[in-house]
Amino acid sequence: MITDEPAIWTQGLRKSYPGRGAALDGIDLAVPAGTVHGLLGPNGAGKTTTVRILATLAGFDAGQAWVAGRNVARDRAGVRARIGVAGQYAAVDGVLSGRQNLEMFARLHRMRAKAARQRADELLERFDLVEAAGRPVRGYSGGMRRRLDLAVSLIRSPRVLFLDEPTTGLDPRSRIEVWDAVRELASSGTTVLLTTQYLEEADRLCSRITMVDRGRVVAEGSPEELKASVGGRDLDEAFLLITEGA
């Protein structure tokens, strides 16, 4: 469900590293609740740094940041209780079955055994993993592993989900499986902030996109608006024209 209050909001977000200079140089970001928002940019543009800060995995030097109604600097525990994070590579245990992975992570989140089993059942059904639930994850396809990873990130029903390069290394069929899962998450009310190197992925999934380069926002809008702004026929062309001119 889309609401007026942004699920993610930053103003003037800055982050520097000794000897490396500014990773973020005043990032402003506003992500409406219940949407998929893309964060695009060249390697080293500041995408992953932004996600790490918003997910309370890194600090920042200046500016403001709010996630799910909580101040990132002052209420890290409150932010963490309301978010999920899935990185580039599946964090699940290949020796355990899909069900065992889900129950294990649920117990780590202090769920009682019965509640953990119930939540695992719900997520296996939601991500079409019921038939594979009892098999070791090492035998899963790439798409199945990523769907399981998404399921793990949703154990606590987060209001905001950060996806950092979620389909890296997947074949086309597996990527489509993950895309379908992300669309379903947004339709159910979860806000998704997505970083990706695949422009087609952003074009298909994101209602709005923020393009960053050298730690600054260089463009923001819907995929169609970004393409129209430079007369581009596709998002790849728009991305190149915008970042080269930044």
Protein backbone atom coordinates (compact mmCIF):
# COMPACT_ATOMS: atom_id res chain seq x y z
CA MET A 1 0.00 0.00 0.00
CA ILE A 2 1.43 3.39 -1.04
CA THR A 3 1.22 6.12 1.62
CA ASP A 4 2.16 9.81 1.70
CA GLU A 5 5.04 9.34 4.16
CA PRO A 6 8.20 8.05 2.46
CA ALA A 7 9.38 4.66 3.66
CA ILE A 8 12.96 5.80 3.03
CA TRP A 9 14.07 9.42 3.23
CA THR A 10 17.52 10.98 3.23
CA GLN A 11 18.75 14.55 2.98
CA GLY A 12 22.34 15.62 2.40
CA LEU A 13 23.73 12.19 3.23
CA ARG A 14 27.53 12.27 3.29
CA LYS A 15 30.17 9.62 3.89
CA SER A 16 33.94 9.78 3.43
CA TYR A 17 36.72 7.25 3.92
CA PRO A 18 40.26 8.19 4.96
CA GLY A 19 42.50 8.37 1.93
CA ARG A 20 39.61 7.72 -0.48
CA GLY A 21 37.57 10.90 -0.27
CA ALA A 22 33.80 11.16 -0.46
CA ALA A 23 31.80 8.01 -1.12
CA LEU A 24 28.55 9.97 -0.71
CA ASP A 25 28.47 13.70 -1.37
CA GLY A 26 25.00 14.87 -0.34
CA ILE A 27 22.51 12.15 -1.32
CA ASP A 28 18.82 13.11 -1.23
CA LEU A 29 16.41 10.22 -1.55
CA ALA A 30 12.65 9.76 -1.06
CA VAL A 31 11.08 6.34 -1.59
CA PRO A 32 7.28 6.03 -1.32
CA ALA A 33 5.99 3.12 0.74
CA GLY A 34 4.90 0.03 -1.14
CA THR A 35 7.04 0.67 -4.22
CA VAL A 36 10.14 -0.78 -5.88
CA HIS A 37 12.73 1.98 -6.17
CA GLY A 38 15.92 1.50 -8.16
CA LEU A 39 19.32 2.87 -7.17
CA LEU A 40 21.55 2.81 -10.25
CA GLY A 41 25.04 3.98 -11.00
CA PRO A 42 28.50 2.92 -12.20
CA ASN A 43 30.76 0.83 -9.99
CA GLY A 44 31.91 2.96 -7.08
CA ALA A 45 29.05 5.45 -7.45
CA GLY A 46 27.88 4.99 -3.87
CA LYS A 47 24.98 2.54 -4.25
CA THR A 48 26.14 -0.12 -1.81
CA THR A 49 27.39 2.51 0.65
CA THR A 50 23.92 4.06 0.67
CA VAL A 51 22.26 0.71 1.30
CA ARG A 52 24.70 -0.16 4.09
CA ILE A 53 24.03 3.14 5.83
CA LEU A 54 20.25 2.81 5.55
CA ALA A 55 20.42 -0.77 6.83
CA THR A 56 22.50 0.44 9.84
CA LEU A 57 25.53 -1.56 8.68
CA ALA A 58 27.67 1.59 8.34
CA GLY A 59 27.71 5.05 9.83
CA PHE A 60 27.62 8.37 8.01
CA ASP A 61 29.29 11.74 8.50
CA ALA A 62 26.50 14.24 7.86
CA GLY A 63 22.91 14.56 6.77
CA GLN A 64 19.71 12.84 7.84
CA ALA A 65 18.29 9.39 7.15
CA TRP A 66 14.95 7.84 8.09
CA VAL A 67 13.74 4.31 7.34
CA ALA A 68 10.23 3.03 8.14
CA GLY A 69 9.61 6.03 10.35
CA ARG A 70 12.79 5.57 12.40
CA ASN A 71 15.86 7.79 12.52
CA VAL A 72 18.84 5.77 11.28
CA ALA A 73 21.37 7.59 13.47
CA ARG A 74 19.35 7.66 16.70
CA ASP A 75 17.25 4.48 16.55
CA ARG A 76 19.30 1.76 14.92
CA ALA A 77 17.45 -0.99 16.78
CA GLY A 78 14.12 0.40 15.62
CA VAL A 79 15.31 0.46 12.01
CA ARG A 80 16.66 -3.09 12.21
CA ALA A 81 13.35 -4.38 13.58
CA ARG A 82 11.57 -3.06 10.48
CA ILE A 83 13.89 -4.03 7.63
CA GLY A 84 15.19 -7.01 5.72
CA VAL A 85 18.43 -7.19 3.72
CA ALA A 86 19.46 -9.52 0.90
CA GLY A 87 22.91 -9.08 -0.63
CA GLN A 88 24.45 -10.19 -3.89
CA TYR A 89 24.95 -13.79 -2.83
CA ALA A 90 22.63 -16.19 -1.07
CA ALA A 91 23.33 -16.34 2.67
CA VAL A 92 21.61 -19.66 3.22
CA ASP A 93 23.31 -22.89 4.35
CA GLY A 94 23.74 -25.36 1.49
CA VAL A 95 23.85 -28.41 3.74
CA LEU A 96 20.51 -27.70 5.39
CA SER A 97 17.17 -28.06 3.64
CA GLY A 98 15.11 -25.05 2.66
CA ARG A 99 12.76 -25.63 5.58
CA GLN A 100 15.65 -26.06 8.03
CA ASN A 101 17.21 -22.80 6.86
CA LEU A 102 13.98 -20.90 7.41
CA GLU A 103 13.35 -22.43 10.81
CA MET A 104 16.94 -21.77 11.87
CA PHE A 105 16.75 -18.09 10.95
CA ALA A 106 13.36 -17.78 12.60
CA ARG A 107 14.78 -19.20 15.84
CA LEU A 108 17.71 -16.78 15.58
CA HIS A 109 15.06 -14.05 15.54
CA ARG A 110 13.82 -15.52 18.84
CA MET A 111 10.68 -17.15 17.51
CA ARG A 112 9.41 -20.14 19.44
CA ALA A 113 9.67 -23.50 17.68
CA LYS A 114 5.99 -23.68 16.72
CA ALA A 115 5.94 -20.12 15.39
CA ALA A 116 9.17 -20.78 13.47
CA ARG A 117 7.62 -23.84 11.78
CA GLN A 118 4.50 -21.88 10.88
CA ARG A 119 6.48 -18.99 9.44
CA ALA A 120 8.63 -21.40 7.42
CA ASP A 121 5.48 -23.01 5.99
CA GLU A 122 4.09 -19.59 5.01
CA LEU A 123 7.27 -18.53 3.24
CA LEU A 124 7.82 -21.83 1.46
CA GLU A 125 4.31 -21.50 0.05
CA ARG A 126 4.76 -17.85 -0.86
CA PHE A 127 7.98 -18.45 -2.79
CA ASP A 128 6.87 -21.69 -4.45
CA LEU A 129 9.41 -23.83 -2.60
CA VAL A 130 7.10 -26.38 -0.96
CA GLU A 131 8.16 -29.29 -3.18
CA ALA A 132 11.85 -28.57 -2.54
CA ALA A 133 11.44 -27.79 1.16
CA GLY A 134 13.03 -31.04 2.40
CA ARG A 135 15.98 -31.08 -0.02
CA PRO A 136 19.46 -29.75 0.78
CA VAL A 137 19.85 -26.23 -0.59
CA ARG A 138 23.10 -27.16 -2.37
CA GLY A 139 20.90 -28.97 -4.92
CA TYR A 140 18.72 -25.91 -5.60
CA SER A 141 18.95 -23.95 -8.84
CA GLY A 142 20.27 -20.40 -8.67
CA GLY A 143 16.77 -18.97 -8.83
CA MET A 144 15.54 -21.23 -6.06
CA ARG A 145 18.45 -20.24 -3.81
CA ARG A 146 17.74 -16.56 -4.38
CA ARG A 147 14.02 -17.05 -3.69
CA LEU A 148 14.95 -18.82 -0.46
CA ASP A 149 17.29 -15.96 0.40
CA LEU A 150 14.42 -13.53 -0.12
CA ALA A 151 12.24 -15.71 2.08
CA VAL A 152 14.87 -15.61 4.85
CA SER A 153 15.00 -11.80 4.64
CA LEU A 154 11.23 -11.72 5.21
CA ILE A 155 11.16 -13.86 8.36
CA ARG A 156 10.07 -10.86 10.45
CA SER A 157 7.70 -9.38 7.81
CA PRO A 158 9.82 -6.23 7.29
CA ARG A 159 8.28 -3.00 6.10
CA VAL A 160 11.37 -2.20 4.00
CA LEU A 161 13.57 -4.64 2.08
CA PHE A 162 17.02 -3.75 0.74
CA LEU A 163 18.12 -5.80 -2.27
CA ASP A 164 21.73 -5.29 -3.34
CA GLU A 165 22.33 -6.80 -6.80
CA PRO A 166 19.80 -9.61 -6.18
CA THR A 167 20.17 -11.38 -9.54
CA THR A 168 23.96 -11.26 -9.98
CA GLY A 169 25.14 -14.41 -11.74
CA LEU A 170 21.69 -15.85 -12.40
CA ASP A 171 20.56 -17.25 -15.74
CA PRO A 172 17.61 -15.52 -17.51
CA ARG A 173 14.99 -17.96 -16.23
CA SER A 174 16.18 -17.58 -12.63
CA ARG A 175 16.25 -13.79 -12.95
CA ILE A 176 12.62 -13.80 -14.05
CA GLU A 177 11.72 -15.96 -11.03
CA VAL A 178 13.31 -13.39 -8.72
CA TRP A 179 11.60 -10.51 -10.56
CA ASP A 180 8.22 -12.16 -10.02
CA ALA A 181 8.98 -12.54 -6.30
CA VAL A 182 9.98 -8.87 -6.00
CA ARG A 183 6.79 -7.72 -7.75
CA GLU A 184 4.72 -9.80 -5.35
CA LEU A 185 6.51 -8.26 -2.37
CA ALA A 186 5.71 -4.73 -3.54
CA SER A 187 2.10 -5.62 -4.31
CA SER A 188 1.72 -6.89 -0.73
CA GLY A 189 2.96 -3.56 0.69
CA THR A 190 6.69 -4.12 1.21
CA THR A 191 8.91 -1.23 0.11
CA VAL A 192 11.90 -2.43 -1.92
CA LEU A 193 15.09 -0.47 -2.54
CA LEU A 194 16.94 -2.25 -5.33
CA THR A 195 20.48 -1.79 -6.58
CA THR A 196 21.32 -3.50 -9.83
CA GLN A 197 23.76 -3.49 -12.73
CA TYR A 198 21.05 -4.78 -15.07
CA LEU A 199 19.23 -1.85 -16.66
CA GLU A 200 16.51 -4.13 -18.03
CA GLU A 201 15.83 -5.28 -14.47
CA ALA A 202 15.34 -1.71 -13.26
CA ASP A 203 13.16 -0.89 -16.26
CA ARG A 204 10.86 -3.83 -15.59
CA LEU A 205 10.65 -3.66 -11.81
CA CYS A 206 11.03 -0.08 -10.62
CA SER A 207 8.33 2.56 -10.46
CA ARG A 208 11.03 5.18 -9.92
CA ILE A 209 14.81 5.25 -10.25
CA THR A 210 17.54 7.37 -8.69
CA MET A 211 20.78 7.50 -10.67
CA VAL A 212 23.94 8.27 -8.73
CA ASP A 213 27.49 8.98 -9.85
CA ARG A 214 30.53 9.86 -7.74
CA GLY A 215 28.36 9.97 -4.63
CA ARG A 216 25.78 12.41 -6.00
CA VAL A 217 22.28 12.09 -7.44
CA VAL A 218 22.46 12.92 -11.15
CA ALA A 219 18.89 12.05 -12.18
CA GLU A 220 15.63 10.81 -10.70
CA GLY A 221 12.30 9.79 -12.18
CA SER A 222 10.29 6.93 -13.60
CA PRO A 223 12.00 4.76 -16.23
CA GLU A 224 9.92 6.45 -18.93
CA GLU A 225 10.76 9.93 -17.64
CA LEU A 226 14.48 9.17 -17.58
CA LYS A 227 14.41 7.79 -21.11
CA ALA A 228 12.42 10.77 -22.38
CA SER A 229 14.73 13.29 -20.67
CA VAL A 230 17.59 12.41 -23.01
CA GLY A 231 15.62 11.18 -25.99
CA GLY A 232 16.81 7.65 -25.35
CA ARG A 233 15.05 4.59 -26.67
CA ASP A 234 15.91 2.41 -23.70
CA LEU A 235 17.21 2.75 -20.15
CA ASP A 236 20.71 1.58 -21.09
CA GLU A 237 21.07 4.52 -23.47
CA ALA A 238 19.60 6.95 -20.95
CA PHE A 239 21.93 5.67 -18.24
CA LEU A 240 25.02 6.16 -20.39
CA LEU A 241 24.00 9.65 -21.54
CA ILE A 242 23.09 10.82 -18.03
CA THR A 243 26.18 9.46 -16.26
CA GLU A 244 28.57 10.59 -19.00
CA GLY A 245 27.15 14.09 -18.79
CA ALA A 246 27.19 14.24 -14.99
